[in-house]
Amino acid sequence: MWLIDSSIGRKLIMSVTGVFLVLFLLFHGVMNFVVLFSTEAYNAIAAFLGANWYALIGTKVLALGFVVHILYAIYLTFQNRRARGNIRYAVNKKQNGVSWASKNMLVLGAIVLGFMALHLYQFWAKMQLVEITHKLGGHVEEELLANAANGAYWIQYYFSKPLYSVLYIVWLVALWMHLTHGVWSALHTLGLNNDTWMPRVKMISNIVATLIILMFISIPVYFLLGGGSNWIV
Protein backbone atom coordinates (compact mmCIF):
# COMPACT_ATOMS: atom_id res chain seq x y z
CA MET A 1 0.00 0.00 0.00
CA TRP A 2 1.43 3.38 -1.06
CA LEU A 3 0.67 5.20 2.22
CA ILE A 4 2.58 2.59 4.21
CA ASP A 5 5.28 1.39 1.82
CA SER A 6 6.55 4.71 0.47
CA SER A 7 8.50 7.36 2.37
CA ILE A 8 6.22 10.11 1.06
CA GLY A 9 3.14 8.14 2.13
CA ARG A 10 4.47 7.67 5.66
CA LYS A 11 5.33 11.36 5.91
CA LEU A 12 1.83 12.21 4.67
CA ILE A 13 0.31 10.11 7.46
CA MET A 14 2.58 11.84 9.97
CA SER A 15 1.49 15.22 8.61
CA VAL A 16 -2.24 14.52 8.60
CA THR A 17 -2.24 13.02 12.10
CA GLY A 18 -0.02 15.90 13.27
CA VAL A 19 -2.40 18.54 11.90
CA PHE A 20 -5.31 16.67 13.51
CA LEU A 21 -3.55 16.70 16.90
CA VAL A 22 -2.69 20.40 16.54
CA LEU A 23 -6.37 21.20 15.95
CA PHE A 24 -7.23 19.21 19.08
CA LEU A 25 -4.61 21.14 21.06
CA LEU A 26 -6.11 24.41 19.83
CA PHE A 27 -9.56 23.35 21.03
CA HIS A 28 -8.21 22.03 24.32
CA GLY A 29 -6.17 25.20 24.84
CA VAL A 30 -9.23 27.42 24.29
CA MET A 31 -11.24 25.21 26.66
CA ASN A 32 -8.56 25.48 29.36
CA PHE A 33 -8.26 29.23 28.90
CA VAL A 34 -11.98 29.57 29.66
CA VAL A 35 -11.42 28.38 33.24
CA LEU A 36 -9.47 31.54 34.05
CA PHE A 37 -12.63 33.57 33.47
CA SER A 38 -15.42 31.20 34.53
CA THR A 39 -15.10 27.89 36.36
CA GLU A 40 -18.82 27.31 35.73
CA ALA A 41 -18.40 27.62 31.96
CA TYR A 42 -15.38 25.33 32.04
CA ASN A 43 -17.27 22.70 34.03
CA ALA A 44 -20.19 22.96 31.60
CA ILE A 45 -17.80 22.10 28.75
CA ALA A 46 -16.28 19.29 30.83
CA ALA A 47 -19.76 17.87 31.48
CA PHE A 48 -20.60 18.11 27.76
CA LEU A 49 -17.43 16.15 26.99
CA GLY A 50 -18.03 13.48 29.62
CA ALA A 51 -18.93 9.83 28.99
CA ASN A 52 -21.32 10.70 26.16
CA TRP A 53 -21.33 8.73 22.91
CA TYR A 54 -19.94 11.60 20.81
CA ALA A 55 -17.19 12.32 23.34
CA LEU A 56 -16.25 8.64 23.50
CA ILE A 57 -16.04 8.45 19.70
CA GLY A 58 -13.90 11.59 19.69
CA THR A 59 -11.65 10.13 22.38
CA LYS A 60 -11.14 6.91 20.40
CA VAL A 61 -10.36 8.81 17.19
CA LEU A 62 -7.96 11.08 19.04
CA ALA A 63 -6.24 8.13 20.72
CA LEU A 64 -5.89 6.36 17.36
CA GLY A 65 -4.40 9.46 15.73
CA PHE A 66 -2.00 9.93 18.61
CA VAL A 67 -0.83 6.30 18.54
CA VAL A 68 -0.38 6.34 14.75
CA HIS A 69 1.57 9.61 14.98
CA ILE A 70 3.91 8.21 17.66
CA LEU A 71 4.50 4.88 15.92
CA TYR A 72 5.23 6.53 12.58
CA ALA A 73 7.53 9.07 14.23
CA ILE A 74 9.59 6.28 15.80
CA TYR A 75 9.56 4.26 12.57
CA LEU A 76 10.62 7.20 10.37
CA THR A 77 13.36 8.21 12.80
CA PHE A 78 14.96 4.76 12.75
CA GLN A 79 14.47 4.48 8.98
CA ASN A 80 16.31 7.78 8.47
CA ARG A 81 19.13 6.75 10.81
CA ARG A 82 19.52 3.41 9.07
CA ALA A 83 19.56 5.12 5.67
CA ARG A 84 22.29 7.55 6.77
CA GLY A 85 24.35 4.82 8.42
CA ASN A 86 27.67 6.15 9.66
CA ILE A 87 27.51 9.31 7.55
CA ARG A 88 26.03 11.34 10.38
CA TYR A 89 29.11 10.71 12.50
CA ALA A 90 31.31 12.34 9.87
CA VAL A 91 29.47 15.67 10.16
CA ASN A 92 31.23 17.70 12.83
CA LYS A 93 30.00 21.22 12.29
CA LYS A 94 26.47 22.46 12.77
CA GLN A 95 24.38 22.50 9.60
CA ASN A 96 23.16 25.94 8.62
CA GLY A 97 19.40 26.40 8.73
CA VAL A 98 18.80 23.20 10.69
CA SER A 99 17.24 23.88 14.08
CA TRP A 100 17.92 21.86 17.19
CA ALA A 101 14.23 20.95 17.36
CA SER A 102 14.23 19.49 13.83
CA LYS A 103 17.15 17.19 14.74
CA ASN A 104 15.66 16.12 18.07
CA MET A 105 11.97 15.66 17.31
CA LEU A 106 11.99 12.14 18.78
CA VAL A 107 13.51 13.39 22.05
CA LEU A 108 11.00 16.23 22.23
CA GLY A 109 8.23 13.81 21.37
CA ALA A 110 9.29 11.52 24.23
CA ILE A 111 9.12 14.46 26.67
CA VAL A 112 5.70 15.42 25.34
CA LEU A 113 4.58 11.79 25.69
CA GLY A 114 5.62 11.85 29.34
CA PHE A 115 3.59 15.02 29.81
CA MET A 116 0.56 13.42 28.16
CA ALA A 117 0.79 10.37 30.43
CA LEU A 118 0.82 12.60 33.51
CA HIS A 119 -1.98 14.76 32.13
CA LEU A 120 -4.16 11.73 31.38
CA TYR A 121 -3.58 10.35 34.87
CA GLN A 122 -4.40 13.65 36.55
CA PHE A 123 -7.45 14.65 34.52
CA TRP A 124 -8.83 12.08 32.06
CA ALA A 125 -8.54 9.22 34.57
CA LYS A 126 -10.27 11.34 37.22
CA MET A 127 -13.03 12.54 34.92
CA GLN A 128 -14.17 10.73 31.75
CA LEU A 129 -12.71 7.37 32.82
CA VAL A 130 -14.52 7.61 36.17
CA GLU A 131 -17.82 8.24 34.38
CA ILE A 132 -17.21 5.36 31.98
CA THR A 133 -16.38 3.00 34.85
CA HIS A 134 -19.51 4.07 36.72
CA LYS A 135 -21.77 3.60 33.67
CA LEU A 136 -20.33 0.12 33.14
CA GLY A 137 -21.19 -0.77 36.73
CA GLY A 138 -17.67 -0.66 38.11
CA HIS A 139 -16.88 0.48 41.64
CA VAL A 140 -15.99 4.17 41.91
CA GLU A 141 -15.25 6.12 45.07
CA GLU A 142 -17.99 8.64 45.87
CA GLU A 143 -15.56 11.59 46.00
CA LEU A 144 -14.18 10.77 42.56
CA LEU A 145 -17.67 10.36 41.10
CA ALA A 146 -18.80 13.67 42.61
CA ASN A 147 -15.89 15.51 40.95
CA ALA A 148 -15.93 13.62 37.64
CA ALA A 149 -17.42 16.61 35.80
CA ASN A 150 -15.77 19.22 38.02
CA GLY A 151 -12.67 19.91 35.97
CA ALA A 152 -12.05 23.20 37.77
CA TYR A 153 -11.66 21.26 41.02
CA TRP A 154 -8.90 19.08 39.56
CA ILE A 155 -7.17 22.09 38.01
CA GLN A 156 -7.10 23.79 41.39
CA TYR A 157 -6.09 20.57 43.14
CA TYR A 158 -3.01 19.95 40.98
CA PHE A 159 -1.89 23.41 39.95
CA SER A 160 -2.05 24.68 43.51
CA LYS A 161 1.06 22.52 43.98
CA PRO A 162 4.00 24.57 42.66
CA LEU A 163 5.95 21.46 41.60
CA TYR A 164 3.24 20.40 39.17
CA SER A 165 2.95 23.91 37.76
CA VAL A 166 6.71 24.07 37.13
CA LEU A 167 6.72 20.59 35.55
CA TYR A 168 3.90 21.62 33.22
CA ILE A 169 5.80 24.73 32.16
CA VAL A 170 8.92 22.68 31.36
CA TRP A 171 6.90 20.18 29.34
CA LEU A 172 5.03 22.95 27.52
CA VAL A 173 8.31 24.50 26.43
CA ALA A 174 9.25 21.12 24.93
CA LEU A 175 5.82 20.96 23.27
CA TRP A 176 6.35 24.43 21.80
CA MET A 177 9.67 23.36 20.27
CA HIS A 178 8.04 20.20 18.91
CA LEU A 179 5.13 22.14 17.43
CA THR A 180 7.17 24.94 15.83
CA HIS A 181 8.93 22.38 13.69
CA GLY A 182 6.06 19.90 13.47
CA VAL A 183 3.46 22.30 12.08
CA TRP A 184 5.94 23.61 9.54
CA SER A 185 6.96 20.10 8.52
CA ALA A 186 3.32 19.00 8.16
CA LEU A 187 2.36 21.96 5.96
CA HIS A 188 5.56 21.49 3.95
CA THR A 189 4.72 17.83 3.32
CA LEU A 190 1.16 18.75 2.33
CA GLY A 191 2.52 20.93 -0.48
CA LEU A 192 3.03 24.46 0.91
CA ASN A 193 6.72 24.42 0.07
CA ASN A 194 7.46 26.92 -2.67
CA ASP A 195 9.63 30.02 -2.25
CA THR A 196 6.63 32.27 -1.74
CA TRP A 197 4.92 30.13 0.86
CA MET A 198 7.92 28.80 2.80
CA PRO A 199 8.42 31.95 4.93
CA ARG A 200 4.66 32.21 5.45
CA VAL A 201 4.44 28.55 6.49
CA LYS A 202 7.22 29.06 9.02
CA MET A 203 5.47 32.11 10.42
CA ILE A 204 2.13 30.28 10.62
CA SER A 205 3.87 27.40 12.42
CA ASN A 206 5.36 29.70 15.03
CA ILE A 207 2.13 31.65 15.55
CA VAL A 208 -0.03 28.51 15.94
CA ALA A 209 2.46 26.81 18.27
CA THR A 210 2.92 29.94 20.38
CA LEU A 211 -0.84 30.54 20.63
CA ILE A 212 -1.43 26.97 21.82
CA ILE A 213 1.35 27.10 24.40
CA LEU A 214 0.32 30.53 25.72
CA MET A 215 -3.20 29.25 26.38
CA PHE A 216 -1.93 26.14 28.16
CA ILE A 217 0.88 27.82 30.06
CA SER A 218 -1.39 30.61 31.33
CA ILE A 219 -2.91 28.23 33.90
CA PRO A 220 0.27 27.09 35.73
CA VAL A 221 1.61 30.65 35.60
CA TYR A 222 -1.70 31.93 36.97
CA PHE A 223 -1.49 29.54 39.91
CA LEU A 224 2.19 30.21 40.56
CA LEU A 225 1.27 33.89 40.87
CA GLY A 226 -1.40 32.99 43.42
CA GLY A 227 -4.42 33.57 41.19
CA GLY A 228 -6.19 30.30 42.00
CA SER A 229 -6.16 30.66 45.78
CA ASN A 230 -9.63 32.30 45.83
CA TRP A 231 -11.39 29.80 43.58
CA ILE A 232 -14.60 28.23 44.82
CA VAL A 233 -15.11 24.96 42.97
C-alpha atoms as a PDB file:
ATOM      1  CA  MET A   1       0.000   0.000   0.000  1.00  0.00           C
ATOM      2  CA  TRP A   2       1.427   3.376  -1.061  1.00  0.00           C
ATOM      3  CA  LEU A   3       0.667   5.199   2.220  1.00  0.00           C
ATOM      4  CA  ILE A   4       2.578   2.589   4.211  1.00  0.00           C
ATOM      5  CA  ASP A   5       5.279   1.387   1.824  1.00  0.00           C
ATOM      6  CA  SER A   6       6.550   4.714   0.475  1.00  0.00           C
ATOM      7  CA  SER A   7       8.503   7.357   2.373  1.00  0.00           C
ATOM      8  CA  ILE A   8       6.222  10.110   1.062  1.00  0.00           C
ATOM      9  CA  GLY A   9       3.137   8.143   2.133  1.00  0.00           C
ATOM     10  CA  ARG A  10       4.472   7.671   5.659  1.00  0.00           C
ATOM     11  CA  LYS A  11       5.334  11.364   5.913  1.00  0.00           C
ATOM     12  CA  LEU A  12       1.832  12.211   4.670  1.00  0.00           C
ATOM     13  CA  ILE A  13       0.308  10.110   7.456  1.00  0.00           C
ATOM     14  CA  MET A  14       2.584  11.843   9.972  1.00  0.00           C
ATOM     15  CA  SER A  15       1.494  15.224   8.607  1.00  0.00           C
ATOM     16  CA  VAL A  16      -2.241  14.518   8.595  1.00  0.00           C
ATOM     17  CA  THR A  17      -2.240  13.020  12.100  1.00  0.00           C
ATOM     18  CA  GLY A  18      -0.019  15.896  13.265  1.00  0.00           C
ATOM     19  CA  VAL A  19      -2.400  18.538  11.903  1.00  0.00           C
ATOM     20  CA  PHE A  20      -5.310  16.673  13.512  1.00  0.00           C
ATOM     21  CA  LEU A  21      -3.546  16.703  16.901  1.00  0.00           C
ATOM     22  CA  VAL A  22      -2.689  20.396  16.538  1.00  0.00           C
ATOM     23  CA  LEU A  23      -6.367  21.196  15.947  1.00  0.00           C
ATOM     24  CA  PHE A  24      -7.233  19.214  19.076  1.00  0.00           C
ATOM     25  CA  LEU A  25      -4.612  21.145  21.065  1.00  0.00           C
ATOM     26  CA  LEU A  26      -6.109  24.409  19.828  1.00  0.00           C
ATOM     27  CA  PHE A  27      -9.556  23.346  21.028  1.00  0.00           C
ATOM     28  CA  HIS A  28      -8.213  22.026  24.318  1.00  0.00           C
ATOM     29  CA  GLY A  29      -6.169  25.201  24.838  1.00  0.00           C
ATOM     30  CA  VAL A  30      -9.231  27.416  24.292  1.00  0.00           C
ATOM     31  CA  MET A  31     -11.235  25.215  26.659  1.00  0.00           C
ATOM     32  CA  ASN A  32      -8.560  25.479  29.360  1.00  0.00           C
ATOM     33  CA  PHE A  33      -8.259  29.227  28.899  1.00  0.00           C
ATOM     34  CA  VAL A  34     -11.978  29.570  29.662  1.00  0.00           C
ATOM     35  CA  VAL A  35     -11.420  28.377  33.240  1.00  0.00           C
ATOM     36  CA  LEU A  36      -9.466  31.536  34.049  1.00  0.00           C
ATOM     37  CA  PHE A  37     -12.629  33.565  33.470  1.00  0.00           C
ATOM     38  CA  SER A  38     -15.417  31.200  34.525  1.00  0.00           C
ATOM     39  CA  THR A  39     -15.101  27.890  36.365  1.00  0.00           C
ATOM     40  CA  GLU A  40     -18.817  27.313  35.733  1.00  0.00           C
ATOM     41  CA  ALA A  41     -18.400  27.624  31.962  1.00  0.00           C
ATOM     42  CA  TYR A  42     -15.377  25.331  32.040  1.00  0.00           C
ATOM     43  CA  ASN A  43     -17.271  22.698  34.035  1.00  0.00           C
ATOM     44  CA  ALA A  44     -20.193  22.956  31.600  1.00  0.00           C
ATOM     45  CA  ILE A  45     -17.797  22.104  28.749  1.00  0.00           C
ATOM     46  CA  ALA A  46     -16.277  19.288  30.831  1.00  0.00           C
ATOM     47  CA  ALA A  47     -19.765  17.866  31.480  1.00  0.00           C
ATOM     48  CA  PHE A  48     -20.601  18.110  27.758  1.00  0.00           C
ATOM     49  CA  LEU A  49     -17.427  16.146  26.988  1.00  0.00           C
ATOM     50  CA  GLY A  50     -18.031  13.482  29.623  1.00  0.00           C
ATOM     51  CA  ALA A  51     -18.926   9.833  28.991  1.00  0.00           C
ATOM     52  CA  ASN A  52     -21.322  10.704  26.156  1.00  0.00           C
ATOM     53  CA  TRP A  53     -21.333   8.729  22.908  1.00  0.00           C
ATOM     54  CA  TYR A  54     -19.945  11.603  20.810  1.00  0.00           C
ATOM     55  CA  ALA A  55     -17.195  12.321  23.344  1.00  0.00           C
ATOM     56  CA  LEU A  56     -16.250   8.641  23.497  1.00  0.00           C
ATOM     57  CA  ILE A  57     -16.039   8.449  19.698  1.00  0.00           C
ATOM     58  CA  GLY A  58     -13.901  11.587  19.686  1.00  0.00           C
ATOM     59  CA  THR A  59     -11.648  10.127  22.378  1.00  0.00           C
ATOM     60  CA  LYS A  60     -11.136   6.914  20.397  1.00  0.00           C
ATOM     61  CA  VAL A  61     -10.364   8.807  17.186  1.00  0.00           C
ATOM     62  CA  LEU A  62      -7.956  11.081  19.045  1.00  0.00           C
ATOM     63  CA  ALA A  63      -6.237   8.127  20.717  1.00  0.00           C
ATOM     64  CA  LEU A  64      -5.887   6.355  17.359  1.00  0.00           C
ATOM     65  CA  GLY A  65      -4.405   9.463  15.726  1.00  0.00           C
ATOM     66  CA  PHE A  66      -2.005   9.932  18.610  1.00  0.00           C
ATOM     67  CA  VAL A  67      -0.830   6.300  18.542  1.00  0.00           C
ATOM     68  CA  VAL A  68      -0.376   6.336  14.750  1.00  0.00           C
ATOM     69  CA  HIS A  69       1.568   9.608  14.984  1.00  0.00           C
ATOM     70  CA  ILE A  70       3.907   8.210  17.655  1.00  0.00           C
ATOM     71  CA  LEU A  71       4.498   4.885  15.921  1.00  0.00           C
ATOM     72  CA  TYR A  72       5.226   6.532  12.582  1.00  0.00           C
ATOM     73  CA  ALA A  73       7.526   9.071  14.233  1.00  0.00           C
ATOM     74  CA  ILE A  74       9.587   6.275  15.795  1.00  0.00           C
ATOM     75  CA  TYR A  75       9.564   4.265  12.571  1.00  0.00           C
ATOM     76  CA  LEU A  76      10.616   7.199  10.372  1.00  0.00           C
ATOM     77  CA  THR A  77      13.362   8.213  12.800  1.00  0.00           C
ATOM     78  CA  PHE A  78      14.961   4.760  12.747  1.00  0.00           C
ATOM     79  CA  GLN A  79      14.471   4.485   8.982  1.00  0.00           C
ATOM     80  CA  ASN A  80      16.310   7.779   8.474  1.00  0.00           C
ATOM     81  CA  ARG A  81      19.128   6.752  10.808  1.00  0.00           C
ATOM     82  CA  ARG A  82      19.520   3.411   9.075  1.00  0.00           C
ATOM     83  CA  ALA A  83      19.558   5.122   5.667  1.00  0.00           C
ATOM     84  CA  ARG A  84      22.286   7.546   6.770  1.00  0.00           C
ATOM     85  CA  GLY A  85      24.348   4.823   8.424  1.00  0.00           C
ATOM     86  CA  ASN A  86      27.670   6.154   9.657  1.00  0.00           C
ATOM     87  CA  ILE A  87      27.514   9.308   7.547  1.00  0.00           C
ATOM     88  CA  ARG A  88      26.025  11.343  10.378  1.00  0.00           C
ATOM     89  CA  TYR A  89      29.114  10.706  12.501  1.00  0.00           C
ATOM     90  CA  ALA A  90      31.314  12.344   9.866  1.00  0.00           C
ATOM     91  CA  VAL A  91      29.469  15.674  10.164  1.00  0.00           C
ATOM     92  CA  ASN A  92      31.233  17.696  12.834  1.00  0.00           C
ATOM     93  CA  LYS A  93      29.998  21.220  12.290  1.00  0.00           C
ATOM     94  CA  LYS A  94      26.474  22.459  12.768  1.00  0.00           C
ATOM     95  CA  GLN A  95      24.376  22.497   9.602  1.00  0.00           C
ATOM     96  CA  ASN A  96      23.162  25.941   8.622  1.00  0.00           C
ATOM     97  CA  GLY A  97      19.402  26.402   8.730  1.00  0.00           C
ATOM     98  CA  VAL A  98      18.797  23.200  10.686  1.00  0.00           C
ATOM     99  CA  SER A  99      17.237  23.877  14.076  1.00  0.00           C
ATOM    100  CA  TRP A 100      17.917  21.858  17.192  1.00  0.00           C
ATOM    101  CA  ALA A 101      14.229  20.953  17.358  1.00  0.00           C
ATOM    102  CA  SER A 102      14.235  19.486  13.835  1.00  0.00           C
ATOM    103  CA  LYS A 103      17.146  17.187  14.739  1.00  0.00           C
ATOM    104  CA  ASN A 104      15.658  16.122  18.071  1.00  0.00           C
ATOM    105  CA  MET A 105      11.970  15.657  17.315  1.00  0.00           C
ATOM    106  CA  LEU A 106      11.994  12.137  18.775  1.00  0.00           C
ATOM    107  CA  VAL A 107      13.508  13.393  22.047  1.00  0.00           C
ATOM    108  CA  LEU A 108      10.997  16.234  22.235  1.00  0.00           C
ATOM    109  CA  GLY A 109       8.230  13.811  21.367  1.00  0.00           C
ATOM    110  CA  ALA A 110       9.287  11.522  24.233  1.00  0.00           C
ATOM    111  CA  ILE A 111       9.120  14.456  26.666  1.00  0.00           C
ATOM    112  CA  VAL A 112       5.701  15.422  25.340  1.00  0.00           C
ATOM    113  CA  LEU A 113       4.575  11.787  25.690  1.00  0.00           C
ATOM    114  CA  GLY A 114       5.619  11.851  29.344  1.00  0.00           C
ATOM    115  CA  PHE A 115       3.588  15.018  29.807  1.00  0.00           C
ATOM    116  CA  MET A 116       0.561  13.415  28.157  1.00  0.00           C
ATOM    117  CA  ALA A 117       0.794  10.365  30.434  1.00  0.00           C
ATOM    118  CA  LEU A 118       0.819  12.602  33.514  1.00  0.00           C
ATOM    119  CA  HIS A 119      -1.985  14.758  32.125  1.00  0.00           C
ATOM    120  CA  LEU A 120      -4.155  11.732  31.377  1.00  0.00           C
ATOM    121  CA  TYR A 121      -3.577  10.350  34.870  1.00  0.00           C
ATOM    122  CA  GLN A 122      -4.398  13.653  36.548  1.00  0.00           C
ATOM    123  CA  PHE A 123      -7.452  14.645  34.517  1.00  0.00           C
ATOM    124  CA  TRP A 124      -8.835  12.078  32.058  1.00  0.00           C
ATOM    125  CA  ALA A 125      -8.536   9.216  34.569  1.00  0.00           C
ATOM    126  CA  LYS A 126     -10.265  11.340  37.219  1.00  0.00           C
ATOM    127  CA  MET A 127     -13.035  12.538  34.916  1.00  0.00           C
ATOM    128  CA  GLN A 128     -14.170  10.734  31.752  1.00  0.00           C
ATOM    129  CA  LEU A 129     -12.712   7.366  32.817  1.00  0.00           C
ATOM    130  CA  VAL A 130     -14.522   7.606  36.171  1.00  0.00           C
ATOM    131  CA  GLU A 131     -17.824   8.241  34.381  1.00  0.00           C
ATOM    132  CA  ILE A 132     -17.210   5.358  31.975  1.00  0.00           C
ATOM    133  CA  THR A 133     -16.379   3.002  34.854  1.00  0.00           C
ATOM    134  CA  HIS A 134     -19.513   4.071  36.721  1.00  0.00           C
ATOM    135  CA  LYS A 135     -21.768   3.600  33.671  1.00  0.00           C
ATOM    136  CA  LEU A 136     -20.333   0.125  33.141  1.00  0.00           C
ATOM    137  CA  GLY A 137     -21.193  -0.774  36.729  1.00  0.00           C
ATOM    138  CA  GLY A 138     -17.674  -0.661  38.114  1.00  0.00           C
ATOM    139  CA  HIS A 139     -16.882   0.481  41.635  1.00  0.00           C
ATOM    140  CA  VAL A 140     -15.987   4.172  41.908  1.00  0.00           C
ATOM    141  CA  GLU A 141     -15.252   6.125  45.071  1.00  0.00           C
ATOM    142  CA  GLU A 142     -17.988   8.642  45.872  1.00  0.00           C
ATOM    143  CA  GLU A 143     -15.556  11.587  46.004  1.00  0.00           C
ATOM    144  CA  LEU A 144     -14.178  10.770  42.555  1.00  0.00           C
ATOM    145  CA  LEU A 145     -17.670  10.359  41.104  1.00  0.00           C
ATOM    146  CA  ALA A 146     -18.798  13.668  42.614  1.00  0.00           C
ATOM    147  CA  ASN A 147     -15.887  15.511  40.952  1.00  0.00           C
ATOM    148  CA  ALA A 148     -15.933  13.617  37.637  1.00  0.00           C
ATOM    149  CA  ALA A 149     -17.418  16.612  35.797  1.00  0.00           C
ATOM    150  CA  ASN A 150     -15.769  19.218  38.020  1.00  0.00           C
ATOM    151  CA  GLY A 151     -12.669  19.910  35.966  1.00  0.00           C
ATOM    152  CA  ALA A 152     -12.045  23.201  37.769  1.00  0.00           C
ATOM    153  CA  TYR A 153     -11.657  21.259  41.024  1.00  0.00           C
ATOM    154  CA  TRP A 154      -8.905  19.081  39.564  1.00  0.00           C
ATOM    155  CA  ILE A 155      -7.165  22.091  38.007  1.00  0.00           C
ATOM    156  CA  GLN A 156      -7.103  23.789  41.392  1.00  0.00           C
ATOM    157  CA  TYR A 157      -6.094  20.569  43.143  1.00  0.00           C
ATOM    158  CA  TYR A 158      -3.012  19.955  40.984  1.00  0.00           C
ATOM    159  CA  PHE A 159      -1.885  23.413  39.949  1.00  0.00           C
ATOM    160  CA  SER A 160      -2.050  24.684  43.515  1.00  0.00           C
ATOM    161  CA  LYS A 161       1.057  22.515  43.983  1.00  0.00           C
ATOM    162  CA  PRO A 162       4.003  24.575  42.655  1.00  0.00           C
ATOM    163  CA  LEU A 163       5.951  21.460  41.602  1.00  0.00           C
ATOM    164  CA  TYR A 164       3.239  20.396  39.166  1.00  0.00           C
ATOM    165  CA  SER A 165       2.954  23.907  37.756  1.00  0.00           C
ATOM    166  CA  VAL A 166       6.714  24.067  37.128  1.00  0.00           C
ATOM    167  CA  LEU A 167       6.719  20.592  35.546  1.00  0.00           C
ATOM    168  CA  TYR A 168       3.901  21.618  33.217  1.00  0.00           C
ATOM    169  CA  ILE A 169       5.795  24.726  32.157  1.00  0.00           C
ATOM    170  CA  VAL A 170       8.915  22.681  31.356  1.00  0.00           C
ATOM    171  CA  TRP A 171       6.900  20.184  29.340  1.00  0.00           C
ATOM    172  CA  LEU A 172       5.028  22.952  27.525  1.00  0.00           C
ATOM    173  CA  VAL A 173       8.314  24.498  26.427  1.00  0.00           C
ATOM    174  CA  ALA A 174       9.252  21.121  24.929  1.00  0.00           C
ATOM    175  CA  LEU A 175       5.824  20.959  23.266  1.00  0.00           C
ATOM    176  CA  TRP A 176       6.352  24.432  21.797  1.00  0.00           C
ATOM    177  CA  MET A 177       9.668  23.361  20.266  1.00  0.00           C
ATOM    178  CA  HIS A 178       8.042  20.196  18.915  1.00  0.00           C
ATOM    179  CA  LEU A 179       5.134  22.139  17.430  1.00  0.00           C
ATOM    180  CA  THR A 180       7.171  24.935  15.834  1.00  0.00           C
ATOM    181  CA  HIS A 181       8.929  22.380  13.689  1.00  0.00           C
ATOM    182  CA  GLY A 182       6.060  19.896  13.469  1.00  0.00           C
ATOM    183  CA  VAL A 183       3.456  22.298  12.079  1.00  0.00           C
ATOM    184  CA  TRP A 184       5.939  23.608   9.536  1.00  0.00           C
ATOM    185  CA  SER A 185       6.963  20.096   8.523  1.00  0.00           C
ATOM    186  CA  ALA A 186       3.322  18.997   8.162  1.00  0.00           C
ATOM    187  CA  LEU A 187       2.361  21.960   5.963  1.00  0.00           C
ATOM    188  CA  HIS A 188       5.564  21.493   3.951  1.00  0.00           C
ATOM    189  CA  THR A 189       4.723  17.828   3.318  1.00  0.00           C
ATOM    190  CA  LEU A 190       1.161  18.754   2.333  1.00  0.00           C
ATOM    191  CA  GLY A 191       2.525  20.933  -0.476  1.00  0.00           C
ATOM    192  CA  LEU A 192       3.029  24.455   0.906  1.00  0.00           C
ATOM    193  CA  ASN A 193       6.717  24.422   0.069  1.00  0.00           C
ATOM    194  CA  ASN A 194       7.463  26.923  -2.670  1.00  0.00           C
ATOM    195  CA  ASP A 195       9.629  30.016  -2.249  1.00  0.00           C
ATOM    196  CA  THR A 196       6.626  32.270  -1.735  1.00  0.00           C
ATOM    197  CA  TRP A 197       4.920  30.134   0.864  1.00  0.00           C
ATOM    198  CA  MET A 198       7.917  28.803   2.799  1.00  0.00           C
ATOM    199  CA  PRO A 199       8.421  31.954   4.927  1.00  0.00           C
ATOM    200  CA  ARG A 200       4.660  32.206   5.449  1.00  0.00           C
ATOM    201  CA  VAL A 201       4.440  28.553   6.486  1.00  0.00           C
ATOM    202  CA  LYS A 202       7.219  29.056   9.016  1.00  0.00           C
ATOM    203  CA  MET A 203       5.467  32.109  10.425  1.00  0.00           C
ATOM    204  CA  ILE A 204       2.134  30.280  10.617  1.00  0.00           C
ATOM    205  CA  SER A 205       3.869  27.401  12.422  1.00  0.00           C
ATOM    206  CA  ASN A 206       5.361  29.698  15.031  1.00  0.00           C
ATOM    207  CA  ILE A 207       2.128  31.651  15.549  1.00  0.00           C
ATOM    208  CA  VAL A 208      -0.029  28.512  15.940  1.00  0.00           C
ATOM    209  CA  ALA A 209       2.465  26.810  18.267  1.00  0.00           C
ATOM    210  CA  THR A 210       2.921  29.937  20.376  1.00  0.00           C
ATOM    211  CA  LEU A 211      -0.837  30.543  20.628  1.00  0.00           C
ATOM    212  CA  ILE A 212      -1.427  26.970  21.817  1.00  0.00           C
ATOM    213  CA  ILE A 213       1.346  27.101  24.402  1.00  0.00           C
ATOM    214  CA  LEU A 214       0.321  30.535  25.716  1.00  0.00           C
ATOM    215  CA  MET A 215      -3.196  29.252  26.383  1.00  0.00           C
ATOM    216  CA  PHE A 216      -1.928  26.142  28.156  1.00  0.00           C
ATOM    217  CA  ILE A 217       0.879  27.824  30.064  1.00  0.00           C
ATOM    218  CA  SER A 218      -1.393  30.607  31.327  1.00  0.00           C
ATOM    219  CA  ILE A 219      -2.911  28.226  33.902  1.00  0.00           C
ATOM    220  CA  PRO A 220       0.267  27.087  35.731  1.00  0.00           C
ATOM    221  CA  VAL A 221       1.611  30.649  35.596  1.00  0.00           C
ATOM    222  CA  TYR A 222      -1.701  31.934  36.974  1.00  0.00           C
ATOM    223  CA  PHE A 223      -1.485  29.536  39.908  1.00  0.00           C
ATOM    224  CA  LEU A 224       2.190  30.213  40.557  1.00  0.00           C
ATOM    225  CA  LEU A 225       1.272  33.889  40.865  1.00  0.00           C
ATOM    226  CA  GLY A 226      -1.404  32.989  43.423  1.00  0.00           C
ATOM    227  CA  GLY A 227      -4.419  33.569  41.188  1.00  0.00           C
ATOM    228  CA  GLY A 228      -6.186  30.304  42.001  1.00  0.00           C
ATOM    229  CA  SER A 229      -6.159  30.658  45.781  1.00  0.00           C
ATOM    230  CA  ASN A 230      -9.629  32.303  45.834  1.00  0.00           C
ATOM    231  CA  TRP A 231     -11.386  29.801  43.577  1.00  0.00           C
ATOM    232  CA  ILE A 232     -14.597  28.228  44.819  1.00  0.00           C
ATOM    233  CA  VAL A 233     -15.113  24.961  42.970  1.00  0.00           C
END
